[in-house]
Each structure stands twice: as structure tokens, then as C-alpha cells.
């Protein structure tokens, strides 16, 4: 699991289950080819310590509130994975 970018800032890199995806500014998502270069990536082996069932979150802000309740401190980095079925996905600027 991880995030990064590609050479010449050619999209965002999303790594999930050992697959590398290239997300471009037009919204297209393709699996990256083996010869594509990366300038930066942060990757971790995600081993689930805890599984939590959350209530239905109608939007991303509600999801953030639920996830923030799981943190024991603001002084620690952690990775999480959300598995769900979504009615739709919309871009959202943080």
C-alpha cells in the first residue's frame, strides 16, 4: 500500500495489493507498466492489527470523523485501508 508520483509529475501513484496504478489529472486510472519511472513513493506492507466496522458515512468529512476517533495520538503516522461499496466517488480537495 502506498502513494507516490511518476517521472515528470505524470500523475499520482496509488499502490494497492501489490499493484501500481497511475491516476492522471483527467481522472483516468491505469495500471502502471513495469518501465514507468517514479521520482518519489512511500510504500508500506499493510498488516491489519485491527478490523473495525464503522457506521454508514454519507460523505468524506463524516468518514474522517469516524477515523479520527480511532487514533490514540496526533503524534503518530499510521496507514489504513477502507473497504466499502460507494454509490459514487467525487474529487475532494483537502
PDB file of N, CA and C in Angstrom:
ATOM      1  N   UNK A   1       0.852  -1.159   0.000  1.00  0.00           N
ATOM      2  CA  UNK A   1       0.000   0.000   0.000  1.00  0.00           C
ATOM      3  C   UNK A   1       0.895   1.219   0.000  1.00  0.00           C
ATOM      4  N   UNK A   2       0.570   2.212  -0.812  1.00  0.00           N
ATOM      5  CA  UNK A   2       1.392   3.400  -0.807  1.00  0.00           C
ATOM      6  C   UNK A   2       0.926   4.461  -1.781  1.00  0.00           C
ATOM      7  N   UNK A   3       1.641   5.576  -1.750  1.00  0.00           N
ATOM      8  CA  UNK A   3       1.377   6.716  -2.624  1.00  0.00           C
ATOM      9  C   UNK A   3       2.691   7.232  -3.167  1.00  0.00           C
ATOM     10  N   UNK A   4       2.635   7.870  -4.313  1.00  0.00           N
ATOM     11  CA  UNK A   4       3.841   8.450  -4.888  1.00  0.00           C
ATOM     12  C   UNK A   4       3.500   9.258  -6.117  1.00  0.00           C
ATOM     13  N   UNK A   5       4.535   9.557  -6.901  1.00  0.00           N
ATOM     14  CA  UNK A   5       4.342  10.274  -8.157  1.00  0.00           C
ATOM     15  C   UNK A   5       5.257   9.668  -9.209  1.00  0.00           C
ATOM     16  N   UNK A   6       4.980   9.970 -10.443  1.00  0.00           N
ATOM     17  CA  UNK A   6       5.759   9.437 -11.546  1.00  0.00           C
ATOM     18  C   UNK A   6       6.707  10.490 -12.100  1.00  0.00           C
ATOM     19  N   UNK A   7       7.671  10.036 -12.874  1.00  0.00           N
ATOM     20  CA  UNK A   7       8.628  10.929 -13.516  1.00  0.00           C
ATOM     21  C   UNK A   7       7.889  12.015 -14.285  1.00  0.00           C
ATOM     22  N   UNK A   8       8.401  13.228 -14.209  1.00  0.00           N
ATOM     23  CA  UNK A   8       7.808  14.399 -14.858  1.00  0.00           C
ATOM     24  C   UNK A   8       6.418  14.719 -14.325  1.00  0.00           C
ATOM     25  N   UNK A   9       6.143  14.305 -13.102  1.00  0.00           N
ATOM     26  CA  UNK A   9       4.850  14.543 -12.453  1.00  0.00           C
ATOM     27  C   UNK A   9       3.689  14.071 -13.318  1.00  0.00           C
ATOM     28  N   UNK A  10       3.875  12.925 -13.941  1.00  0.00           N
ATOM     29  CA  UNK A  10       2.876  12.371 -14.864  1.00  0.00           C
ATOM     30  C   UNK A  10       1.840  11.546 -14.105  1.00  0.00           C
ATOM     31  N   UNK A  11       1.146  12.179 -13.166  1.00  0.00           N
ATOM     32  CA  UNK A  11       0.086  11.512 -12.425  1.00  0.00           C
ATOM     33  C   UNK A  11       0.513  11.072 -11.042  1.00  0.00           C
ATOM     34  N   UNK A  12      -0.474  10.713 -10.258  1.00  0.00           N
ATOM     35  CA  UNK A  12      -0.254  10.208  -8.901  1.00  0.00           C
ATOM     36  C   UNK A  12      -0.129   8.694  -8.944  1.00  0.00           C
ATOM     37  N   UNK A  13       0.691   8.161  -8.054  1.00  0.00           N
ATOM     38  CA  UNK A  13       0.860   6.720  -7.936  1.00  0.00           C
ATOM     39  C   UNK A  13       0.056   6.239  -6.733  1.00  0.00           C
ATOM     40  N   UNK A  14      -0.766   5.229  -6.960  1.00  0.00           N
ATOM     41  CA  UNK A  14      -1.516   4.589  -5.884  1.00  0.00           C
ATOM     42  C   UNK A  14      -1.154   3.112  -5.921  1.00  0.00           C
ATOM     43  N   UNK A  15      -0.688   2.583  -4.802  1.00  0.00           N
ATOM     44  CA  UNK A  15      -0.270   1.187  -4.720  1.00  0.00           C
ATOM     45  C   UNK A  15      -1.246   0.458  -3.802  1.00  0.00           C
ATOM     46  N   UNK A  16      -1.833  -0.595  -4.310  1.00  0.00           N
ATOM     47  CA  UNK A  16      -2.808  -1.350  -3.542  1.00  0.00           C
ATOM     48  C   UNK A  16      -2.688  -2.819  -3.892  1.00  0.00           C
ATOM     49  N   UNK A  17      -2.519  -3.650  -2.881  1.00  0.00           N
ATOM     50  CA  UNK A  17      -2.399  -5.101  -3.064  1.00  0.00           C
ATOM     51  C   UNK A  17      -1.308  -5.474  -4.071  1.00  0.00           C
ATOM     52  N   UNK A  18      -0.186  -4.738  -4.042  1.00  0.00           N
ATOM     53  CA  UNK A  18       0.939  -5.045  -4.903  1.00  0.00           C
ATOM     54  C   UNK A  18       0.802  -4.559  -6.338  1.00  0.00           C
ATOM     55  N   UNK A  19      -0.253  -3.836  -6.651  1.00  0.00           N
ATOM     56  CA  UNK A  19      -0.459  -3.286  -7.994  1.00  0.00           C
ATOM     57  C   UNK A  19      -0.232  -1.779  -7.957  1.00  0.00           C
ATOM     58  N   UNK A  20       0.443  -1.277  -8.986  1.00  0.00           N
ATOM     59  CA  UNK A  20       0.779   0.143  -9.071  1.00  0.00           C
ATOM     60  C   UNK A  20      -0.125   0.792 -10.104  1.00  0.00           C
ATOM     61  N   UNK A  21      -0.883   1.798  -9.672  1.00  0.00           N
ATOM     62  CA  UNK A  21      -1.820   2.477 -10.557  1.00  0.00           C
ATOM     63  C   UNK A  21      -1.380   3.909 -10.783  1.00  0.00           C
ATOM     64  N   UNK A  22      -1.620   4.403 -12.007  1.00  0.00           N
ATOM     65  CA  UNK A  22      -1.291   5.772 -12.378  1.00  0.00           C
ATOM     66  C   UNK A  22      -2.606   6.533 -12.552  1.00  0.00           C
ATOM     67  N   UNK A  23      -2.807   7.544 -11.699  1.00  0.00           N
ATOM     68  CA  UNK A  23      -4.021   8.357 -11.741  1.00  0.00           C
ATOM     69  C   UNK A  23      -3.640   9.702 -12.347  1.00  0.00           C
ATOM     70  N   UNK A  24      -4.172   9.991 -13.514  1.00  0.00           N
ATOM     71  CA  UNK A  24      -3.825  11.231 -14.221  1.00  0.00           C
ATOM     72  C   UNK A  24      -4.822  12.336 -13.895  1.00  0.00           C
ATOM     73  N   UNK A  25      -4.456  13.563 -14.223  1.00  0.00           N
ATOM     74  CA  UNK A  25      -5.277  14.729 -13.900  1.00  0.00           C
ATOM     75  C   UNK A  25      -6.632  14.717 -14.599  1.00  0.00           C
ATOM     76  N   UNK A  26      -6.772  13.954 -15.685  1.00  0.00           N
ATOM     77  CA  UNK A  26      -8.070  13.870 -16.370  1.00  0.00           C
ATOM     78  C   UNK A  26      -8.997  12.854 -15.700  1.00  0.00           C
ATOM     79  N   UNK A  27      -8.512  12.223 -14.613  1.00  0.00           N
ATOM     80  CA  UNK A  27      -9.322  11.254 -13.880  1.00  0.00           C
ATOM     81  C   UNK A  27      -9.125   9.820 -14.334  1.00  0.00           C
ATOM     82  N   UNK A  28      -8.371   9.607 -15.396  1.00  0.00           N
ATOM     83  CA  UNK A  28      -8.153   8.238 -15.880  1.00  0.00           C
ATOM     84  C   UNK A  28      -7.218   7.484 -14.937  1.00  0.00           C
ATOM     85  N   UNK A  29      -7.480   6.203 -14.791  1.00  0.00           N
ATOM     86  CA  UNK A  29      -6.669   5.341 -13.925  1.00  0.00           C
ATOM     87  C   UNK A  29      -6.272   4.116 -14.728  1.00  0.00           C
ATOM     88  N   UNK A  30      -4.955   3.852 -14.800  1.00  0.00           N
ATOM     89  CA  UNK A  30      -4.449   2.668 -15.485  1.00  0.00           C
ATOM     90  C   UNK A  30      -3.400   2.008 -14.609  1.00  0.00           C
ATOM     91  N   UNK A  31      -3.231   0.712 -14.792  1.00  0.00           N
ATOM     92  CA  UNK A  31      -2.158   0.033 -14.071  1.00  0.00           C
ATOM     93  C   UNK A  31      -0.841   0.417 -14.739  1.00  0.00           C
ATOM     94  N   UNK A  32       0.113   0.856 -13.935  1.00  0.00           N
ATOM     95  CA  UNK A  32       1.396   1.328 -14.463  1.00  0.00           C
ATOM     96  C   UNK A  32       2.189   0.173 -15.058  1.00  0.00           C
ATOM     97  N   UNK A  33       2.856   0.462 -16.164  1.00  0.00           N
ATOM     98  CA  UNK A  33       3.717  -0.537 -16.797  1.00  0.00           C
ATOM     99  C   UNK A  33       5.023  -0.643 -16.023  1.00  0.00           C
ATOM    100  N   UNK A  34       5.719  -1.758 -16.206  1.00  0.00           N
ATOM    101  CA  UNK A  34       6.959  -2.019 -15.473  1.00  0.00           C
ATOM    102  C   UNK A  34       8.075  -1.031 -15.796  1.00  0.00           C
ATOM    103  N   UNK A  35       8.035  -0.382 -16.956  1.00  0.00           N
ATOM    104  CA  UNK A  35       9.132   0.510 -17.348  1.00  0.00           C
ATOM    105  C   UNK A  35       8.891   1.975 -16.975  1.00  0.00           C
ATOM    106  N   UNK A  36       7.778   2.280 -16.308  1.00  0.00           N
ATOM    107  CA  UNK A  36       7.480   3.648 -15.894  1.00  0.00           C
ATOM    108  C   UNK A  36       8.351   3.991 -14.684  1.00  0.00           C
ATOM    109  N   UNK A  37       8.945   5.189 -14.704  1.00  0.00           N
ATOM    110  CA  UNK A  37       9.833   5.609 -13.625  1.00  0.00           C
ATOM    111  C   UNK A  37       9.092   6.452 -12.593  1.00  0.00           C
ATOM    112  N   UNK A  38       9.568   6.396 -11.367  1.00  0.00           N
ATOM    113  CA  UNK A  38       8.984   7.156 -10.265  1.00  0.00           C
ATOM    114  C   UNK A  38      10.050   8.041  -9.654  1.00  0.00           C
ATOM    115  N   UNK A  39       9.651   9.261  -9.286  1.00  0.00           N
ATOM    116  CA  UNK A  39      10.581  10.163  -8.610  1.00  0.00           C
ATOM    117  C   UNK A  39      10.440  10.082  -7.098  1.00  0.00           C
ATOM    118  N   UNK A  40       9.285   9.586  -6.616  1.00  0.00           N
ATOM    119  CA  UNK A  40       9.062   9.518  -5.176  1.00  0.00           C
ATOM    120  C   UNK A  40       7.910   8.564  -4.885  1.00  0.00           C
ATOM    121  N   UNK A  41       8.075   7.753  -3.860  1.00  0.00           N
ATOM    122  CA  UNK A  41       6.988   6.885  -3.411  1.00  0.00           C
ATOM    123  C   UNK A  41       7.213   6.504  -1.954  1.00  0.00           C
ATOM    124  N   UNK A  42       6.129   6.361  -1.233  1.00  0.00           N
ATOM    125  CA  UNK A  42       6.148   5.879   0.142  1.00  0.00           C
ATOM    126  C   UNK A  42       5.272   4.639   0.162  1.00  0.00           C
ATOM    127  N   UNK A  43       5.868   3.504   0.537  1.00  0.00           N
ATOM    128  CA  UNK A  43       5.172   2.225   0.460  1.00  0.00           C
ATOM    129  C   UNK A  43       5.335   1.492   1.781  1.00  0.00           C
ATOM    130  N   UNK A  44       4.292   0.826   2.214  1.00  0.00           N
ATOM    131  CA  UNK A  44       4.357   0.021   3.425  1.00  0.00           C
ATOM    132  C   UNK A  44       3.661  -1.308   3.188  1.00  0.00           C
ATOM    133  N   UNK A  45       4.086  -2.306   3.925  1.00  0.00           N
ATOM    134  CA  UNK A  45       3.383  -3.585   3.926  1.00  0.00           C
ATOM    135  C   UNK A  45       2.302  -3.466   4.988  1.00  0.00           C
ATOM    136  N   UNK A  46       1.062  -3.430   4.559  1.00  0.00           N
ATOM    137  CA  UNK A  46      -0.041  -3.234   5.491  1.00  0.00           C
ATOM    138  C   UNK A  46      -0.447  -4.565   6.097  1.00  0.00           C
ATOM    139  N   UNK A  47      -0.215  -4.677   7.388  1.00  0.00           N
ATOM    140  CA  UNK A  47      -0.641  -5.857   8.134  1.00  0.00           C
ATOM    141  C   UNK A  47      -1.703  -5.379   9.117  1.00  0.00           C
ATOM    142  N   UNK A  48      -2.891  -5.879   8.948  1.00  0.00           N
ATOM    143  CA  UNK A  48      -4.018  -5.426   9.754  1.00  0.00           C
ATOM    144  C   UNK A  48      -3.871  -5.852  11.204  1.00  0.00           C
ATOM    145  N   UNK A  49      -3.776  -4.879  12.099  1.00  0.00           N
ATOM    146  CA  UNK A  49      -3.785  -5.151  13.524  1.00  0.00           C
ATOM    147  C   UNK A  49      -5.218  -5.168  14.059  1.00  0.00           C
ATOM    148  N   UNK A  50      -6.050  -4.356  13.436  1.00  0.00           N
ATOM    149  CA  UNK A  50      -7.418  -4.170  13.901  1.00  0.00           C
ATOM    150  C   UNK A  50      -8.351  -4.094  12.703  1.00  0.00           C
ATOM    151  N   UNK A  51      -9.510  -4.703  12.831  1.00  0.00           N
ATOM    152  CA  UNK A  51     -10.574  -4.540  11.847  1.00  0.00           C
ATOM    153  C   UNK A  51     -11.748  -3.894  12.560  1.00  0.00           C
ATOM    154  N   UNK A  52     -12.274  -2.820  11.968  1.00  0.00           N
ATOM    155  CA  UNK A  52     -13.350  -2.062  12.595  1.00  0.00           C
ATOM    156  C   UNK A  52     -14.486  -1.901  11.596  1.00  0.00           C
ATOM    157  N   UNK A  53     -15.699  -2.125  12.046  1.00  0.00           N
ATOM    158  CA  UNK A  53     -16.878  -1.837  11.234  1.00  0.00           C
ATOM    159  C   UNK A  53     -17.410  -0.477  11.661  1.00  0.00           C
ATOM    160  N   UNK A  54     -17.473   0.451  10.711  1.00  0.00           N
ATOM    161  CA  UNK A  54     -17.932   1.803  11.005  1.00  0.00           C
ATOM    162  C   UNK A  54     -19.386   1.964  10.568  1.00  0.00           C
ATOM    163  N   UNK A  55     -20.089   2.941  11.167  1.00  0.00           N
ATOM    164  CA  UNK A  55     -21.437   3.231  10.686  1.00  0.00           C
ATOM    165  C   UNK A  55     -21.367   3.843   9.289  1.00  0.00           C
ATOM    166  N   UNK A  56     -22.467   3.890   8.607  1.00  0.00           N
ATOM    167  CA  UNK A  56     -22.513   4.483   7.270  1.00  0.00           C
ATOM    168  C   UNK A  56     -22.110   5.949   7.366  1.00  0.00           C
ATOM    169  N   UNK A  57     -21.189   6.343   6.511  1.00  0.00           N
ATOM    170  CA  UNK A  57     -20.717   7.726   6.464  1.00  0.00           C
ATOM    171  C   UNK A  57     -21.205   8.337   5.150  1.00  0.00           C
ATOM    172  N   UNK A  58     -22.081   9.324   5.213  1.00  0.00           N
ATOM    173  CA  UNK A  58     -22.656   9.877   3.989  1.00  0.00           C
ATOM    174  C   UNK A  58     -21.683  10.692   3.140  1.00  0.00           C
ATOM    175  N   UNK A  59     -20.548  11.096   3.738  1.00  0.00           N
ATOM    176  CA  UNK A  59     -19.574  11.883   2.982  1.00  0.00           C
ATOM    177  C   UNK A  59     -18.195  11.699   3.599  1.00  0.00           C
ATOM    178  N   UNK A  60     -17.192  12.266   2.931  1.00  0.00           N
ATOM    179  CA  UNK A  60     -15.811  12.093   3.369  1.00  0.00           C
ATOM    180  C   UNK A  60     -15.551  12.725   4.731  1.00  0.00           C
ATOM    181  N   UNK A  61     -16.174  13.859   5.006  1.00  0.00           N
ATOM    182  CA  UNK A  61     -15.987  14.509   6.306  1.00  0.00           C
ATOM    183  C   UNK A  61     -16.459  13.606   7.439  1.00  0.00           C
ATOM    184  N   UNK A  62     -17.583  12.940   7.242  1.00  0.00           N
ATOM    185  CA  UNK A  62     -18.099  12.012   8.261  1.00  0.00           C
ATOM    186  C   UNK A  62     -17.147  10.837   8.453  1.00  0.00           C
ATOM    187  N   UNK A  63     -16.567  10.355   7.352  1.00  0.00           N
ATOM    188  CA  UNK A  63     -15.600   9.261   7.447  1.00  0.00           C
ATOM    189  C   UNK A  63     -14.377   9.704   8.241  1.00  0.00           C
ATOM    190  N   UNK A  64     -13.880  10.921   7.971  1.00  0.00           N
ATOM    191  CA  UNK A  64     -12.726  11.435   8.714  1.00  0.00           C
ATOM    192  C   UNK A  64     -13.015  11.506  10.210  1.00  0.00           C
ATOM    193  N   UNK A  65     -14.212  11.929  10.577  1.00  0.00           N
ATOM    194  CA  UNK A  65     -14.578  11.997  11.996  1.00  0.00           C
ATOM    195  C   UNK A  65     -14.500  10.608  12.615  1.00  0.00           C
ATOM    196  N   UNK A  66     -15.046   9.608  11.937  1.00  0.00           N
ATOM    197  CA  UNK A  66     -15.024   8.239  12.458  1.00  0.00           C
ATOM    198  C   UNK A  66     -13.587   7.718  12.580  1.00  0.00           C
ATOM    199  N   UNK A  67     -12.770   7.982  11.565  1.00  0.00           N
ATOM    200  CA  UNK A  67     -11.385   7.512  11.597  1.00  0.00           C
ATOM    201  C   UNK A  67     -10.570   8.231  12.665  1.00  0.00           C
ATOM    202  N   UNK A  68     -10.808   9.520  12.842  1.00  0.00           N
ATOM    203  CA  UNK A  68     -10.084  10.271  13.879  1.00  0.00           C
ATOM    204  C   UNK A  68     -10.357   9.714  15.271  1.00  0.00           C
ATOM    205  N   UNK A  69     -11.530   9.167  15.477  1.00  0.00           N
ATOM    206  CA  UNK A  69     -11.868   8.585  16.781  1.00  0.00           C
ATOM    207  C   UNK A  69     -11.028   7.336  17.079  1.00  0.00           C
ATOM    208  N   UNK A  70     -10.470   6.726  16.060  1.00  0.00           N
ATOM    209  CA  UNK A  70      -9.660   5.522  16.243  1.00  0.00           C
ATOM    210  C   UNK A  70      -8.220   5.835  16.638  1.00  0.00           C
ATOM    211  N   UNK A  71      -7.787   7.078  16.404  1.00  0.00           N
ATOM    212  CA  UNK A  71      -6.408   7.455  16.708  1.00  0.00           C
ATOM    213  C   UNK A  71      -6.238   7.692  18.200  1.00  0.00           C
ATOM    214  N   UNK A  72      -5.106   7.219  18.728  1.00  0.00           N
ATOM    215  CA  UNK A  72      -4.813   7.409  20.147  1.00  0.00           C
ATOM    216  C   UNK A  72      -3.957   8.645  20.375  1.00  0.00           C
ATOM    217  N   UNK A  73      -3.345   9.160  19.292  1.00  0.00           N
ATOM    218  CA  UNK A  73      -2.479  10.334  19.401  1.00  0.00           C
ATOM    219  C   UNK A  73      -2.389  11.012  18.031  1.00  0.00           C
ATOM    220  N   UNK A  74      -2.109  12.308  18.042  1.00  0.00           N
ATOM    221  CA  UNK A  74      -1.858  13.045  16.803  1.00  0.00           C
ATOM    222  C   UNK A  74      -0.398  12.940  16.394  1.00  0.00           C
ATOM    223  N   UNK A  75       0.416  12.281  17.222  1.00  0.00           N
ATOM    224  CA  UNK A  75       1.862  12.262  17.051  1.00  0.00           C
ATOM    225  C   UNK A  75       2.373  10.948  16.486  1.00  0.00           C
ATOM    226  N   UNK A  76       1.606  10.316  15.622  1.00  0.00           N
ATOM    227  CA  UNK A  76       1.990   9.003  15.113  1.00  0.00           C
ATOM    228  C   UNK A  76       1.415   8.821  13.720  1.00  0.00           C
ATOM    229  N   UNK A  77       2.233   8.344  12.798  1.00  0.00           N
ATOM    230  CA  UNK A  77       1.758   8.050  11.450  1.00  0.00           C
ATOM    231  C   UNK A  77       1.155   6.657  11.427  1.00  0.00           C
ATOM    232  N   UNK A  78       0.075   6.492  10.708  1.00  0.00           N
ATOM    233  CA  UNK A  78      -0.475   5.164  10.548  1.00  0.00           C
ATOM    234  C   UNK A  78      -1.131   5.048   9.178  1.00  0.00           C
ATOM    235  N   UNK A  79      -1.211   3.840   8.700  1.00  0.00           N
ATOM    236  CA  UNK A  79      -1.845   3.562   7.411  1.00  0.00           C
ATOM    237  C   UNK A  79      -3.162   2.866   7.674  1.00  0.00           C
ATOM    238  N   UNK A  80      -4.120   3.135   6.840  1.00  0.00           N
ATOM    239  CA  UNK A  80      -5.398   2.450   6.972  1.00  0.00           C
ATOM    240  C   UNK A  80      -5.958   2.165   5.599  1.00  0.00           C
ATOM    241  N   UNK A  81      -6.827   1.197   5.588  1.00  0.00           N
ATOM    242  CA  UNK A  81      -7.479   0.803   4.352  1.00  0.00           C
ATOM    243  C   UNK A  81      -8.978   0.787   4.622  1.00  0.00           C
ATOM    244  N   UNK A  82      -9.732   1.380   3.712  1.00  0.00           N
ATOM    245  CA  UNK A  82     -11.183   1.403   3.821  1.00  0.00           C
ATOM    246  C   UNK A  82     -11.737   0.551   2.688  1.00  0.00           C
ATOM    247  N   UNK A  83     -12.436  -0.505   3.048  1.00  0.00           N
ATOM    248  CA  UNK A  83     -13.123  -1.345   2.062  1.00  0.00           C
ATOM    249  C   UNK A  83     -14.605  -1.053   2.177  1.00  0.00           C
ATOM    250  N   UNK A  84     -15.222  -0.709   1.063  1.00  0.00           N
ATOM    251  CA  UNK A  84     -16.633  -0.361   1.094  1.00  0.00           C
ATOM    252  C   UNK A  84     -17.202  -0.413  -0.309  1.00  0.00           C
ATOM    253  N   UNK A  85     -18.492  -0.220  -0.400  1.00  0.00           N
ATOM    254  CA  UNK A  85     -19.177  -0.034  -1.672  1.00  0.00           C
ATOM    255  C   UNK A  85     -19.674   1.403  -1.689  1.00  0.00           C
ATOM    256  N   UNK A  86     -19.367   2.112  -2.764  1.00  0.00           N
ATOM    257  CA  UNK A  86     -19.720   3.523  -2.849  1.00  0.00           C
ATOM    258  C   UNK A  86     -20.757   3.732  -3.943  1.00  0.00           C
ATOM    259  N   UNK A  87     -21.738   4.607  -3.664  1.00  0.00           N
ATOM    260  CA  UNK A  87     -22.712   4.973  -4.688  1.00  0.00           C
ATOM    261  C   UNK A  87     -22.042   5.773  -5.799  1.00  0.00           C
ATOM    262  N   UNK A  88     -21.078   6.610  -5.421  1.00  0.00           N
ATOM    263  CA  UNK A  88     -20.307   7.393  -6.383  1.00  0.00           C
ATOM    264  C   UNK A  88     -19.047   7.907  -5.686  1.00  0.00           C
ATOM    265  N   UNK A  89     -18.071   8.323  -6.476  1.00  0.00           N
ATOM    266  CA  UNK A  89     -16.845   8.897  -5.953  1.00  0.00           C
ATOM    267  C   UNK A  89     -16.650  10.225  -6.650  1.00  0.00           C
ATOM    268  N   UNK A  90     -16.386  11.249  -5.863  1.00  0.00           N
ATOM    269  CA  UNK A  90     -16.203  12.594  -6.392  1.00  0.00           C
ATOM    270  C   UNK A  90     -14.869  13.117  -5.887  1.00  0.00           C
ATOM    271  N   UNK A  91     -14.228  13.975  -6.663  1.00  0.00           N
ATOM    272  CA  UNK A  91     -12.963  14.543  -6.202  1.00  0.00           C
ATOM    273  C   UNK A  91     -13.235  15.472  -5.041  1.00  0.00           C
ATOM    274  N   UNK A  92     -12.262  15.549  -4.142  1.00  0.00           N
ATOM    275  CA  UNK A  92     -12.417  16.371  -2.958  1.00  0.00           C
ATOM    276  C   UNK A  92     -11.059  16.927  -2.593  1.00  0.00           C
ATOM    277  N   UNK A  93     -10.959  18.223  -2.472  1.00  0.00           N
ATOM    278  CA  UNK A  93      -9.690  18.856  -2.112  1.00  0.00           C
ATOM    279  C   UNK A  93      -9.591  18.970  -0.600  1.00  0.00           C
ATOM    280  N   UNK A  94      -8.474  18.469  -0.066  1.00  0.00           N
ATOM    281  CA  UNK A  94      -8.249  18.536   1.379  1.00  0.00           C
ATOM    282  C   UNK A  94      -7.622  19.859   1.706  1.00  0.00           C
TER     283      UNK A  94
END
